[in-house]
PDB file of N, CA and C in Angstrom:
ATOM      1  N   UNK A   1     -28.958 -40.849 -31.287  1.00  0.00           N
ATOM      2  CA  UNK A   1     -28.386 -39.540 -31.059  1.00  0.00           C
ATOM      3  C   UNK A   1     -26.872 -39.612 -31.194  1.00  0.00           C
ATOM      4  N   UNK A   2     -26.292 -38.667 -31.930  1.00  0.00           N
ATOM      5  CA  UNK A   2     -24.866 -38.670 -32.202  1.00  0.00           C
ATOM      6  C   UNK A   2     -24.091 -38.183 -30.974  1.00  0.00           C
ATOM      7  N   UNK A   3     -22.990 -38.859 -30.663  1.00  0.00           N
ATOM      8  CA  UNK A   3     -22.148 -38.466 -29.525  1.00  0.00           C
ATOM      9  C   UNK A   3     -21.433 -37.150 -29.839  1.00  0.00           C
ATOM     10  N   UNK A   4     -21.175 -36.362 -28.799  1.00  0.00           N
ATOM     11  CA  UNK A   4     -20.459 -35.086 -28.963  1.00  0.00           C
ATOM     12  C   UNK A   4     -19.037 -35.369 -29.426  1.00  0.00           C
ATOM     13  N   UNK A   5     -18.571 -34.560 -30.372  1.00  0.00           N
ATOM     14  CA  UNK A   5     -17.213 -34.711 -30.895  1.00  0.00           C
ATOM     15  C   UNK A   5     -16.210 -34.316 -29.824  1.00  0.00           C
ATOM     16  N   UNK A   6     -15.166 -35.099 -29.687  1.00  0.00           N
ATOM     17  CA  UNK A   6     -14.098 -34.807 -28.740  1.00  0.00           C
ATOM     18  C   UNK A   6     -12.959 -34.092 -29.471  1.00  0.00           C
ATOM     19  N   UNK A   7     -12.545 -32.937 -28.952  1.00  0.00           N
ATOM     20  CA  UNK A   7     -11.445 -32.181 -29.533  1.00  0.00           C
ATOM     21  C   UNK A   7     -10.223 -32.303 -28.647  1.00  0.00           C
ATOM     22  N   UNK A   8      -9.062 -32.174 -29.239  1.00  0.00           N
ATOM     23  CA  UNK A   8      -7.821 -32.218 -28.471  1.00  0.00           C
ATOM     24  C   UNK A   8      -7.570 -30.891 -27.759  1.00  0.00           C
ATOM     25  N   UNK A   9      -8.077 -29.802 -28.329  1.00  0.00           N
ATOM     26  CA  UNK A   9      -7.991 -28.504 -27.682  1.00  0.00           C
ATOM     27  C   UNK A   9      -9.119 -28.393 -26.660  1.00  0.00           C
ATOM     28  N   UNK A  10      -8.893 -27.614 -25.609  1.00  0.00           N
ATOM     29  CA  UNK A  10      -9.941 -27.376 -24.623  1.00  0.00           C
ATOM     30  C   UNK A  10      -9.949 -25.902 -24.248  1.00  0.00           C
ATOM     31  N   UNK A  11     -11.027 -25.472 -23.639  1.00  0.00           N
ATOM     32  CA  UNK A  11     -11.171 -24.094 -23.149  1.00  0.00           C
ATOM     33  C   UNK A  11     -11.124 -23.033 -24.240  1.00  0.00           C
ATOM     34  N   UNK A  12     -11.447 -23.435 -25.474  1.00  0.00           N
ATOM     35  CA  UNK A  12     -11.425 -22.488 -26.594  1.00  0.00           C
ATOM     36  C   UNK A  12     -12.400 -22.985 -27.662  1.00  0.00           C
ATOM     37  N   UNK A  13     -13.081 -22.055 -28.303  1.00  0.00           N
ATOM     38  CA  UNK A  13     -14.046 -22.442 -29.331  1.00  0.00           C
ATOM     39  C   UNK A  13     -13.337 -22.895 -30.604  1.00  0.00           C
ATOM     40  N   UNK A  14     -13.981 -23.778 -31.328  1.00  0.00           N
ATOM     41  CA  UNK A  14     -13.439 -24.269 -32.597  1.00  0.00           C
ATOM     42  C   UNK A  14     -14.286 -23.747 -33.750  1.00  0.00           C
ATOM     43  N   UNK A  15     -13.718 -23.785 -34.942  1.00  0.00           N
ATOM     44  CA  UNK A  15     -14.395 -23.332 -36.162  1.00  0.00           C
ATOM     45  C   UNK A  15     -14.934 -21.915 -36.016  1.00  0.00           C
ATOM     46  N   UNK A  16     -14.124 -21.066 -35.434  1.00  0.00           N
ATOM     47  CA  UNK A  16     -14.495 -19.678 -35.201  1.00  0.00           C
ATOM     48  C   UNK A  16     -13.228 -18.827 -35.163  1.00  0.00           C
ATOM     49  N   UNK A  17     -13.296 -17.636 -35.739  1.00  0.00           N
ATOM     50  CA  UNK A  17     -12.165 -16.711 -35.641  1.00  0.00           C
ATOM     51  C   UNK A  17     -12.112 -16.185 -34.219  1.00  0.00           C
ATOM     52  N   UNK A  18     -10.944 -16.286 -33.614  1.00  0.00           N
ATOM     53  CA  UNK A  18     -10.779 -15.802 -32.246  1.00  0.00           C
ATOM     54  C   UNK A  18      -9.552 -14.906 -32.147  1.00  0.00           C
ATOM     55  N   UNK A  19      -9.531 -14.081 -31.136  1.00  0.00           N
ATOM     56  CA  UNK A  19      -8.378 -13.252 -30.812  1.00  0.00           C
ATOM     57  C   UNK A  19      -7.832 -13.772 -29.494  1.00  0.00           C
ATOM     58  N   UNK A  20      -6.646 -14.373 -29.544  1.00  0.00           N
ATOM     59  CA  UNK A  20      -6.104 -15.012 -28.355  1.00  0.00           C
ATOM     60  C   UNK A  20      -5.973 -14.058 -27.178  1.00  0.00           C
ATOM     61  N   UNK A  21      -5.646 -12.793 -27.447  1.00  0.00           N
ATOM     62  CA  UNK A  21      -5.498 -11.844 -26.340  1.00  0.00           C
ATOM     63  C   UNK A  21      -6.824 -11.574 -25.627  1.00  0.00           C
ATOM     64  N   UNK A  22      -7.934 -11.898 -26.251  1.00  0.00           N
ATOM     65  CA  UNK A  22      -9.242 -11.714 -25.619  1.00  0.00           C
ATOM     66  C   UNK A  22      -9.727 -12.982 -24.898  1.00  0.00           C
ATOM     67  N   UNK A  23      -8.954 -14.050 -24.983  1.00  0.00           N
ATOM     68  CA  UNK A  23      -9.337 -15.328 -24.378  1.00  0.00           C
ATOM     69  C   UNK A  23      -8.900 -15.456 -22.918  1.00  0.00           C
ATOM     70  N   UNK A  24      -8.150 -14.463 -22.422  1.00  0.00           N
ATOM     71  CA  UNK A  24      -7.706 -14.477 -21.027  1.00  0.00           C
ATOM     72  C   UNK A  24      -7.729 -13.050 -20.499  1.00  0.00           C
ATOM     73  N   UNK A  25      -8.100 -12.895 -19.233  1.00  0.00           N
ATOM     74  CA  UNK A  25      -8.197 -11.572 -18.623  1.00  0.00           C
ATOM     75  C   UNK A  25      -7.105 -11.363 -17.590  1.00  0.00           C
ATOM     76  N   UNK A  26      -6.855 -10.097 -17.281  1.00  0.00           N
ATOM     77  CA  UNK A  26      -5.927  -9.741 -16.210  1.00  0.00           C
ATOM     78  C   UNK A  26      -6.646  -9.848 -14.876  1.00  0.00           C
ATOM     79  N   UNK A  27      -5.874 -10.183 -13.845  1.00  0.00           N
ATOM     80  CA  UNK A  27      -6.370 -10.117 -12.472  1.00  0.00           C
ATOM     81  C   UNK A  27      -5.303  -9.408 -11.643  1.00  0.00           C
ATOM     82  N   UNK A  28      -5.724  -8.393 -10.910  1.00  0.00           N
ATOM     83  CA  UNK A  28      -4.796  -7.572 -10.140  1.00  0.00           C
ATOM     84  C   UNK A  28      -3.936  -8.441  -9.226  1.00  0.00           C
ATOM     85  N   UNK A  29      -2.617  -8.217  -9.322  1.00  0.00           N
ATOM     86  CA  UNK A  29      -1.678  -8.910  -8.455  1.00  0.00           C
ATOM     87  C   UNK A  29      -1.493 -10.386  -8.739  1.00  0.00           C
ATOM     88  N   UNK A  30      -1.858 -10.829  -9.953  1.00  0.00           N
ATOM     89  CA  UNK A  30      -1.776 -12.263 -10.235  1.00  0.00           C
ATOM     90  C   UNK A  30      -1.209 -12.581 -11.616  1.00  0.00           C
ATOM     91  N   UNK A  31      -0.749 -13.806 -11.726  1.00  0.00           N
ATOM     92  CA  UNK A  31      -0.474 -14.438 -13.013  1.00  0.00           C
ATOM     93  C   UNK A  31      -1.633 -15.399 -13.237  1.00  0.00           C
ATOM     94  N   UNK A  32      -2.293 -15.272 -14.378  1.00  0.00           N
ATOM     95  CA  UNK A  32      -3.441 -16.123 -14.697  1.00  0.00           C
ATOM     96  C   UNK A  32      -3.062 -17.012 -15.881  1.00  0.00           C
ATOM     97  N   UNK A  33      -3.470 -18.279 -15.834  1.00  0.00           N
ATOM     98  CA  UNK A  33      -3.192 -19.180 -16.957  1.00  0.00           C
ATOM     99  C   UNK A  33      -4.469 -19.872 -17.406  1.00  0.00           C
ATOM    100  N   UNK A  34      -4.489 -20.213 -18.688  1.00  0.00           N
ATOM    101  CA  UNK A  34      -5.615 -20.939 -19.288  1.00  0.00           C
ATOM    102  C   UNK A  34      -5.031 -21.988 -20.227  1.00  0.00           C
ATOM    103  N   UNK A  35      -5.136 -23.240 -19.831  1.00  0.00           N
ATOM    104  CA  UNK A  35      -4.567 -24.339 -20.612  1.00  0.00           C
ATOM    105  C   UNK A  35      -5.448 -24.648 -21.814  1.00  0.00           C
ATOM    106  N   UNK A  36      -4.820 -24.741 -22.987  1.00  0.00           N
ATOM    107  CA  UNK A  36      -5.528 -25.098 -24.213  1.00  0.00           C
ATOM    108  C   UNK A  36      -5.245 -26.534 -24.628  1.00  0.00           C
ATOM    109  N   UNK A  37      -4.012 -27.011 -24.373  1.00  0.00           N
ATOM    110  CA  UNK A  37      -3.628 -28.396 -24.663  1.00  0.00           C
ATOM    111  C   UNK A  37      -2.596 -28.817 -23.614  1.00  0.00           C
ATOM    112  N   UNK A  38      -2.732 -30.042 -23.117  1.00  0.00           N
ATOM    113  CA  UNK A  38      -1.731 -30.585 -22.193  1.00  0.00           C
ATOM    114  C   UNK A  38      -1.669 -32.085 -22.401  1.00  0.00           C
ATOM    115  N   UNK A  39      -0.560 -32.550 -22.979  1.00  0.00           N
ATOM    116  CA  UNK A  39      -0.351 -33.988 -23.109  1.00  0.00           C
ATOM    117  C   UNK A  39       1.144 -34.270 -23.079  1.00  0.00           C
ATOM    118  N   UNK A  40       1.543 -35.513 -23.322  1.00  0.00           N
ATOM    119  CA  UNK A  40       2.960 -35.876 -23.192  1.00  0.00           C
ATOM    120  C   UNK A  40       3.842 -35.247 -24.271  1.00  0.00           C
ATOM    121  N   UNK A  41       3.250 -34.750 -25.356  1.00  0.00           N
ATOM    122  CA  UNK A  41       4.025 -34.200 -26.465  1.00  0.00           C
ATOM    123  C   UNK A  41       4.055 -32.681 -26.512  1.00  0.00           C
ATOM    124  N   UNK A  42       2.979 -32.035 -26.050  1.00  0.00           N
ATOM    125  CA  UNK A  42       2.866 -30.584 -26.211  1.00  0.00           C
ATOM    126  C   UNK A  42       1.984 -29.984 -25.116  1.00  0.00           C
ATOM    127  N   UNK A  43       2.309 -28.765 -24.768  1.00  0.00           N
ATOM    128  CA  UNK A  43       1.486 -27.990 -23.840  1.00  0.00           C
ATOM    129  C   UNK A  43       1.308 -26.606 -24.458  1.00  0.00           C
ATOM    130  N   UNK A  44       0.062 -26.139 -24.534  1.00  0.00           N
ATOM    131  CA  UNK A  44      -0.214 -24.797 -25.048  1.00  0.00           C
ATOM    132  C   UNK A  44      -1.054 -24.083 -23.997  1.00  0.00           C
ATOM    133  N   UNK A  45      -0.550 -22.927 -23.536  1.00  0.00           N
ATOM    134  CA  UNK A  45      -1.199 -22.216 -22.444  1.00  0.00           C
ATOM    135  C   UNK A  45      -1.172 -20.719 -22.694  1.00  0.00           C
ATOM    136  N   UNK A  46      -2.287 -20.057 -22.431  1.00  0.00           N
ATOM    137  CA  UNK A  46      -2.351 -18.599 -22.431  1.00  0.00           C
ATOM    138  C   UNK A  46      -2.042 -18.112 -21.023  1.00  0.00           C
ATOM    139  N   UNK A  47      -1.321 -17.004 -20.920  1.00  0.00           N
ATOM    140  CA  UNK A  47      -1.009 -16.393 -19.628  1.00  0.00           C
ATOM    141  C   UNK A  47      -1.300 -14.908 -19.679  1.00  0.00           C
ATOM    142  N   UNK A  48      -1.718 -14.364 -18.543  1.00  0.00           N
ATOM    143  CA  UNK A  48      -1.738 -12.916 -18.352  1.00  0.00           C
ATOM    144  C   UNK A  48      -0.988 -12.618 -17.057  1.00  0.00           C
ATOM    145  N   UNK A  49      -0.171 -11.579 -17.094  1.00  0.00           N
ATOM    146  CA  UNK A  49       0.622 -11.139 -15.948  1.00  0.00           C
ATOM    147  C   UNK A  49       0.231  -9.715 -15.606  1.00  0.00           C
ATOM    148  N   UNK A  50      -0.061  -9.462 -14.353  1.00  0.00           N
ATOM    149  CA  UNK A  50      -0.214  -8.084 -13.913  1.00  0.00           C
ATOM    150  C   UNK A  50       1.189  -7.488 -13.810  1.00  0.00           C
ATOM    151  N   UNK A  51       1.279  -6.186 -13.852  1.00  0.00           N
ATOM    152  CA  UNK A  51       2.572  -5.512 -13.727  1.00  0.00           C
ATOM    153  C   UNK A  51       3.245  -5.942 -12.427  1.00  0.00           C
ATOM    154  N   UNK A  52       4.521  -6.328 -12.538  1.00  0.00           N
ATOM    155  CA  UNK A  52       5.297  -6.720 -11.376  1.00  0.00           C
ATOM    156  C   UNK A  52       5.149  -8.177 -10.963  1.00  0.00           C
ATOM    157  N   UNK A  53       4.257  -8.901 -11.606  1.00  0.00           N
ATOM    158  CA  UNK A  53       4.085 -10.319 -11.282  1.00  0.00           C
ATOM    159  C   UNK A  53       5.081 -11.147 -12.094  1.00  0.00           C
ATOM    160  N   UNK A  54       5.424 -12.321 -11.564  1.00  0.00           N
ATOM    161  CA  UNK A  54       6.443 -13.126 -12.233  1.00  0.00           C
ATOM    162  C   UNK A  54       6.265 -14.615 -12.014  1.00  0.00           C
ATOM    163  N   UNK A  55       6.916 -15.369 -12.872  1.00  0.00           N
ATOM    164  CA  UNK A  55       7.153 -16.790 -12.672  1.00  0.00           C
ATOM    165  C   UNK A  55       8.653 -16.896 -12.470  1.00  0.00           C
ATOM    166  N   UNK A  56       9.067 -17.344 -11.302  1.00  0.00           N
ATOM    167  CA  UNK A  56      10.489 -17.368 -10.960  1.00  0.00           C
ATOM    168  C   UNK A  56      11.248 -18.399 -11.794  1.00  0.00           C
ATOM    169  N   UNK A  57      12.560 -18.325 -11.703  1.00  0.00           N
ATOM    170  CA  UNK A  57      13.444 -19.163 -12.511  1.00  0.00           C
ATOM    171  C   UNK A  57      13.150 -20.648 -12.314  1.00  0.00           C
ATOM    172  N   UNK A  58      13.063 -21.341 -13.425  1.00  0.00           N
ATOM    173  CA  UNK A  58      12.842 -22.781 -13.450  1.00  0.00           C
ATOM    174  C   UNK A  58      13.319 -23.304 -14.800  1.00  0.00           C
ATOM    175  N   UNK A  59      13.357 -24.612 -14.971  1.00  0.00           N
ATOM    176  CA  UNK A  59      13.681 -25.195 -16.273  1.00  0.00           C
ATOM    177  C   UNK A  59      12.593 -26.192 -16.633  1.00  0.00           C
ATOM    178  N   UNK A  60      12.610 -26.627 -17.885  1.00  0.00           N
ATOM    179  CA  UNK A  60      11.586 -27.524 -18.396  1.00  0.00           C
ATOM    180  C   UNK A  60      12.241 -28.643 -19.193  1.00  0.00           C
ATOM    181  N   UNK A  61      11.539 -29.756 -19.296  1.00  0.00           N
ATOM    182  CA  UNK A  61      12.013 -30.863 -20.131  1.00  0.00           C
ATOM    183  C   UNK A  61      11.713 -30.636 -21.604  1.00  0.00           C
ATOM    184  N   UNK A  62      10.963 -29.575 -21.920  1.00  0.00           N
ATOM    185  CA  UNK A  62      10.616 -29.289 -23.307  1.00  0.00           C
ATOM    186  C   UNK A  62      11.141 -27.930 -23.747  1.00  0.00           C
ATOM    187  N   UNK A  63      11.210 -27.731 -25.048  1.00  0.00           N
ATOM    188  CA  UNK A  63      11.546 -26.422 -25.607  1.00  0.00           C
ATOM    189  C   UNK A  63      10.302 -25.553 -25.523  1.00  0.00           C
ATOM    190  N   UNK A  64      10.442 -24.344 -24.972  1.00  0.00           N
ATOM    191  CA  UNK A  64       9.316 -23.451 -24.739  1.00  0.00           C
ATOM    192  C   UNK A  64       9.382 -22.258 -25.683  1.00  0.00           C
ATOM    193  N   UNK A  65       8.325 -22.048 -26.448  1.00  0.00           N
ATOM    194  CA  UNK A  65       8.241 -20.900 -27.346  1.00  0.00           C
ATOM    195  C   UNK A  65       7.138 -19.981 -26.842  1.00  0.00           C
ATOM    196  N   UNK A  66       7.485 -18.704 -26.643  1.00  0.00           N
ATOM    197  CA  UNK A  66       6.539 -17.713 -26.144  1.00  0.00           C
ATOM    198  C   UNK A  66       6.323 -16.651 -27.206  1.00  0.00           C
ATOM    199  N   UNK A  67       5.068 -16.273 -27.415  1.00  0.00           N
ATOM    200  CA  UNK A  67       4.718 -15.126 -28.253  1.00  0.00           C
ATOM    201  C   UNK A  67       3.914 -14.165 -27.388  1.00  0.00           C
ATOM    202  N   UNK A  68       4.380 -12.910 -27.333  1.00  0.00           N
ATOM    203  CA  UNK A  68       3.673 -11.891 -26.556  1.00  0.00           C
ATOM    204  C   UNK A  68       2.481 -11.406 -27.378  1.00  0.00           C
ATOM    205  N   UNK A  69       1.308 -11.419 -26.755  1.00  0.00           N
ATOM    206  CA  UNK A  69       0.065 -11.028 -27.416  1.00  0.00           C
ATOM    207  C   UNK A  69      -0.321  -9.584 -27.130  1.00  0.00           C
ATOM    208  N   UNK A  70       0.170  -9.055 -25.990  1.00  0.00           N
ATOM    209  CA  UNK A  70      -0.212  -7.703 -25.565  1.00  0.00           C
ATOM    210  C   UNK A  70       0.748  -7.282 -24.459  1.00  0.00           C
ATOM    211  N   UNK A  71       1.143  -6.012 -24.434  1.00  0.00           N
ATOM    212  CA  UNK A  71       1.980  -5.492 -23.364  1.00  0.00           C
ATOM    213  C   UNK A  71       3.448  -5.833 -23.541  1.00  0.00           C
ATOM    214  N   UNK A  72       4.183  -5.783 -22.411  1.00  0.00           N
ATOM    215  CA  UNK A  72       5.629  -5.998 -22.428  1.00  0.00           C
ATOM    216  C   UNK A  72       6.039  -6.911 -21.286  1.00  0.00           C
ATOM    217  N   UNK A  73       6.842  -7.925 -21.613  1.00  0.00           N
ATOM    218  CA  UNK A  73       7.351  -8.856 -20.611  1.00  0.00           C
ATOM    219  C   UNK A  73       8.861  -8.939 -20.660  1.00  0.00           C
ATOM    220  N   UNK A  74       9.442  -9.275 -19.519  1.00  0.00           N
ATOM    221  CA  UNK A  74      10.896  -9.486 -19.438  1.00  0.00           C
ATOM    222  C   UNK A  74      11.144 -10.973 -19.240  1.00  0.00           C
ATOM    223  N   UNK A  75      11.977 -11.519 -20.093  1.00  0.00           N
ATOM    224  CA  UNK A  75      12.290 -12.941 -20.083  1.00  0.00           C
ATOM    225  C   UNK A  75      13.769 -13.121 -19.808  1.00  0.00           C
ATOM    226  N   UNK A  76      14.077 -13.880 -18.782  1.00  0.00           N
ATOM    227  CA  UNK A  76      15.467 -14.214 -18.475  1.00  0.00           C
ATOM    228  C   UNK A  76      15.674 -15.649 -18.932  1.00  0.00           C
ATOM    229  N   UNK A  77      16.630 -15.842 -19.826  1.00  0.00           N
ATOM    230  CA  UNK A  77      16.941 -17.169 -20.356  1.00  0.00           C
ATOM    231  C   UNK A  77      18.422 -17.405 -20.096  1.00  0.00           C
ATOM    232  N   UNK A  78      18.717 -18.345 -19.206  1.00  0.00           N
ATOM    233  CA  UNK A  78      20.095 -18.512 -18.772  1.00  0.00           C
ATOM    234  C   UNK A  78      20.546 -17.224 -18.093  1.00  0.00           C
ATOM    235  N   UNK A  79      21.603 -16.618 -18.600  1.00  0.00           N
ATOM    236  CA  UNK A  79      22.122 -15.364 -18.040  1.00  0.00           C
ATOM    237  C   UNK A  79      21.720 -14.145 -18.863  1.00  0.00           C
ATOM    238  N   UNK A  80      20.882 -14.323 -19.880  1.00  0.00           N
ATOM    239  CA  UNK A  80      20.497 -13.211 -20.752  1.00  0.00           C
ATOM    240  C   UNK A  80      19.093 -12.714 -20.431  1.00  0.00           C
ATOM    241  N   UNK A  81      18.894 -11.405 -20.594  1.00  0.00           N
ATOM    242  CA  UNK A  81      17.589 -10.787 -20.368  1.00  0.00           C
ATOM    243  C   UNK A  81      17.073 -10.242 -21.694  1.00  0.00           C
ATOM    244  N   UNK A  82      15.796 -10.515 -21.976  1.00  0.00           N
ATOM    245  CA  UNK A  82      15.149 -10.071 -23.204  1.00  0.00           C
ATOM    246  C   UNK A  82      13.854  -9.355 -22.842  1.00  0.00           C
ATOM    247  N   UNK A  83      13.611  -8.209 -23.460  1.00  0.00           N
ATOM    248  CA  UNK A  83      12.353  -7.480 -23.293  1.00  0.00           C
ATOM    249  C   UNK A  83      11.558  -7.682 -24.581  1.00  0.00           C
ATOM    250  N   UNK A  84      10.373  -8.271 -24.464  1.00  0.00           N
ATOM    251  CA  UNK A  84       9.546  -8.565 -25.637  1.00  0.00           C
ATOM    252  C   UNK A  84       8.237  -7.806 -25.567  1.00  0.00           C
ATOM    253  N   UNK A  85       7.787  -7.337 -26.735  1.00  0.00           N
ATOM    254  CA  UNK A  85       6.513  -6.660 -26.873  1.00  0.00           C
ATOM    255  C   UNK A  85       5.594  -7.439 -27.793  1.00  0.00           C
ATOM    256  N   UNK A  86       4.425  -6.876 -28.008  1.00  0.00           N
ATOM    257  CA  UNK A  86       3.392  -7.510 -28.822  1.00  0.00           C
ATOM    258  C   UNK A  86       3.947  -8.014 -30.150  1.00  0.00           C
ATOM    259  N   UNK A  87       3.640  -9.275 -30.446  1.00  0.00           N
ATOM    260  CA  UNK A  87       4.035  -9.876 -31.717  1.00  0.00           C
ATOM    261  C   UNK A  87       5.428 -10.466 -31.726  1.00  0.00           C
ATOM    262  N   UNK A  88       6.187 -10.311 -30.638  1.00  0.00           N
ATOM    263  CA  UNK A  88       7.548 -10.852 -30.598  1.00  0.00           C
ATOM    264  C   UNK A  88       7.551 -12.223 -29.924  1.00  0.00           C
ATOM    265  N   UNK A  89       8.489 -13.053 -30.379  1.00  0.00           N
ATOM    266  CA  UNK A  89       8.580 -14.446 -29.925  1.00  0.00           C
ATOM    267  C   UNK A  89       9.999 -14.756 -29.483  1.00  0.00           C
ATOM    268  N   UNK A  90      10.109 -15.603 -28.462  1.00  0.00           N
ATOM    269  CA  UNK A  90      11.409 -16.113 -28.029  1.00  0.00           C
ATOM    270  C   UNK A  90      11.270 -17.602 -27.757  1.00  0.00           C
ATOM    271  N   UNK A  91      12.347 -18.349 -27.997  1.00  0.00           N
ATOM    272  CA  UNK A  91      12.380 -19.767 -27.681  1.00  0.00           C
ATOM    273  C   UNK A  91      13.340 -19.964 -26.512  1.00  0.00           C
ATOM    274  N   UNK A  92      12.841 -20.627 -25.485  1.00  0.00           N
ATOM    275  CA  UNK A  92      13.642 -20.939 -24.308  1.00  0.00           C
ATOM    276  C   UNK A  92      13.926 -22.442 -24.346  1.00  0.00           C
ATOM    277  N   UNK A  93      15.193 -22.811 -24.597  1.00  0.00           N
ATOM    278  CA  UNK A  93      15.505 -24.229 -24.797  1.00  0.00           C
ATOM    279  C   UNK A  93      15.332 -25.065 -23.526  1.00  0.00           C
ATOM    280  N   UNK A  94      15.059 -26.340 -23.735  1.00  0.00           N
ATOM    281  CA  UNK A  94      14.873 -27.243 -22.596  1.00  0.00           C
ATOM    282  C   UNK A  94      16.131 -27.297 -21.734  1.00  0.00           C
ATOM    283  N   UNK A  95      15.901 -27.526 -20.452  1.00  0.00           N
ATOM    284  CA  UNK A  95      16.952 -27.657 -19.443  1.00  0.00           C
ATOM    285  C   UNK A  95      17.750 -26.377 -19.200  1.00  0.00           C
ATOM    286  N   UNK A  96      17.306 -25.231 -19.746  1.00  0.00           N
ATOM    287  CA  UNK A  96      17.941 -23.938 -19.488  1.00  0.00           C
ATOM    288  C   UNK A  96      17.011 -23.145 -18.568  1.00  0.00           C
ATOM    289  N   UNK A  97      17.557 -22.653 -17.478  1.00  0.00           N
ATOM    290  CA  UNK A  97      16.761 -21.889 -16.524  1.00  0.00           C
ATOM    291  C   UNK A  97      16.179 -20.639 -17.197  1.00  0.00           C
ATOM    292  N   UNK A  98      14.902 -20.368 -16.896  1.00  0.00           N
ATOM    293  CA  UNK A  98      14.260 -19.177 -17.450  1.00  0.00           C
ATOM    294  C   UNK A  98      13.225 -18.652 -16.459  1.00  0.00           C
ATOM    295  N   UNK A  99      12.937 -17.351 -16.584  1.00  0.00           N
ATOM    296  CA  UNK A  99      11.958 -16.694 -15.719  1.00  0.00           C
ATOM    297  C   UNK A  99      11.207 -15.661 -16.554  1.00  0.00           C
ATOM    298  N   UNK A 100      10.008 -15.276 -16.077  1.00  0.00           N
ATOM    299  CA  UNK A 100       9.164 -14.317 -16.794  1.00  0.00           C
ATOM    300  C   UNK A 100       8.674 -13.279 -15.792  1.00  0.00           C
ATOM    301  N   UNK A 101       8.713 -11.992 -16.217  1.00  0.00           N
ATOM    302  CA  UNK A 101       8.322 -10.886 -15.339  1.00  0.00           C
ATOM    303  C   UNK A 101       7.485  -9.874 -16.120  1.00  0.00           C
ATOM    304  N   UNK A 102       6.430  -9.390 -15.512  1.00  0.00           N
ATOM    305  CA  UNK A 102       5.570  -8.402 -16.156  1.00  0.00           C
ATOM    306  C   UNK A 102       6.116  -6.993 -15.998  1.00  0.00           C
ATOM    307  N   UNK A 103       6.768  -6.482 -17.033  1.00  0.00           N
ATOM    308  CA  UNK A 103       7.241  -5.095 -17.030  1.00  0.00           C
ATOM    309  C   UNK A 103       6.049  -4.136 -16.952  1.00  0.00           C
ATOM    310  N   UNK A 104       4.956  -4.581 -17.521  1.00  0.00           N
ATOM    311  CA  UNK A 104       3.651  -3.935 -17.465  1.00  0.00           C
ATOM    312  C   UNK A 104       2.661  -5.083 -17.610  1.00  0.00           C
ATOM    313  N   UNK A 105       1.366  -4.839 -17.458  1.00  0.00           N
ATOM    314  CA  UNK A 105       0.446  -5.954 -17.700  1.00  0.00           C
ATOM    315  C   UNK A 105       0.682  -6.501 -19.121  1.00  0.00           C
ATOM    316  N   UNK A 106       0.815  -7.819 -19.219  1.00  0.00           N
ATOM    317  CA  UNK A 106       1.007  -8.399 -20.557  1.00  0.00           C
ATOM    318  C   UNK A 106       0.415  -9.795 -20.625  1.00  0.00           C
ATOM    319  N   UNK A 107       0.165 -10.216 -21.880  1.00  0.00           N
ATOM    320  CA  UNK A 107      -0.390 -11.536 -22.164  1.00  0.00           C
ATOM    321  C   UNK A 107       0.535 -12.255 -23.134  1.00  0.00           C
ATOM    322  N   UNK A 108       0.615 -13.572 -22.964  1.00  0.00           N
ATOM    323  CA  UNK A 108       1.476 -14.361 -23.844  1.00  0.00           C
ATOM    324  C   UNK A 108       0.863 -15.722 -24.116  1.00  0.00           C
ATOM    325  N   UNK A 109       1.295 -16.306 -25.219  1.00  0.00           N
ATOM    326  CA  UNK A 109       0.955 -17.683 -25.579  1.00  0.00           C
ATOM    327  C   UNK A 109       2.222 -18.501 -25.412  1.00  0.00           C
ATOM    328  N   UNK A 110       2.144 -19.539 -24.594  1.00  0.00           N
ATOM    329  CA  UNK A 110       3.285 -20.432 -24.345  1.00  0.00           C
ATOM    330  C   UNK A 110       3.015 -21.771 -24.996  1.00  0.00           C
ATOM    331  N   UNK A 111       3.946 -22.227 -25.834  1.00  0.00           N
ATOM    332  CA  UNK A 111       3.895 -23.556 -26.425  1.00  0.00           C
ATOM    333  C   UNK A 111       5.143 -24.303 -26.012  1.00  0.00           C
ATOM    334  N   UNK A 112       4.975 -25.441 -25.348  1.00  0.00           N
ATOM    335  CA  UNK A 112       6.103 -26.261 -24.938  1.00  0.00           C
ATOM    336  C   UNK A 112       6.013 -27.585 -25.683  1.00  0.00           C
ATOM    337  N   UNK A 113       7.107 -27.930 -26.364  1.00  0.00           N
ATOM    338  CA  UNK A 113       7.182 -29.182 -27.113  1.00  0.00           C
ATOM    339  C   UNK A 113       8.134 -30.112 -26.368  1.00  0.00           C
ATOM    340  N   UNK A 114       7.618 -31.285 -25.996  1.00  0.00           N
ATOM    341  CA  UNK A 114       8.412 -32.254 -25.228  1.00  0.00           C
ATOM    342  C   UNK A 114       9.007 -33.315 -26.122  1.00  0.00           C
TER     343      UNK A 114
END
């Protein structure tokens, strides 16, 4: 019997067309995350934010690239504030403080390269 193939991605189907915004759901009053990859080189995570929910200011050892999949989010990078909507991307450089806030319910894909 052949052993099951091991994939580097997790929590997501392979060899299938998927819509990332449908891979994570909203939960009232919460930030929800779904990790797709986590290793020493890269982290890929889906997030959903209910309106008014946030991840407070922090910094990372990696460069973080966010693409908004649905809704509108507010991103503070250093001293600058950016409002992003569906299809927009921002890069938050390593060691720079950043925060994320749900202007309305929104979903995003976060890729961090270490």
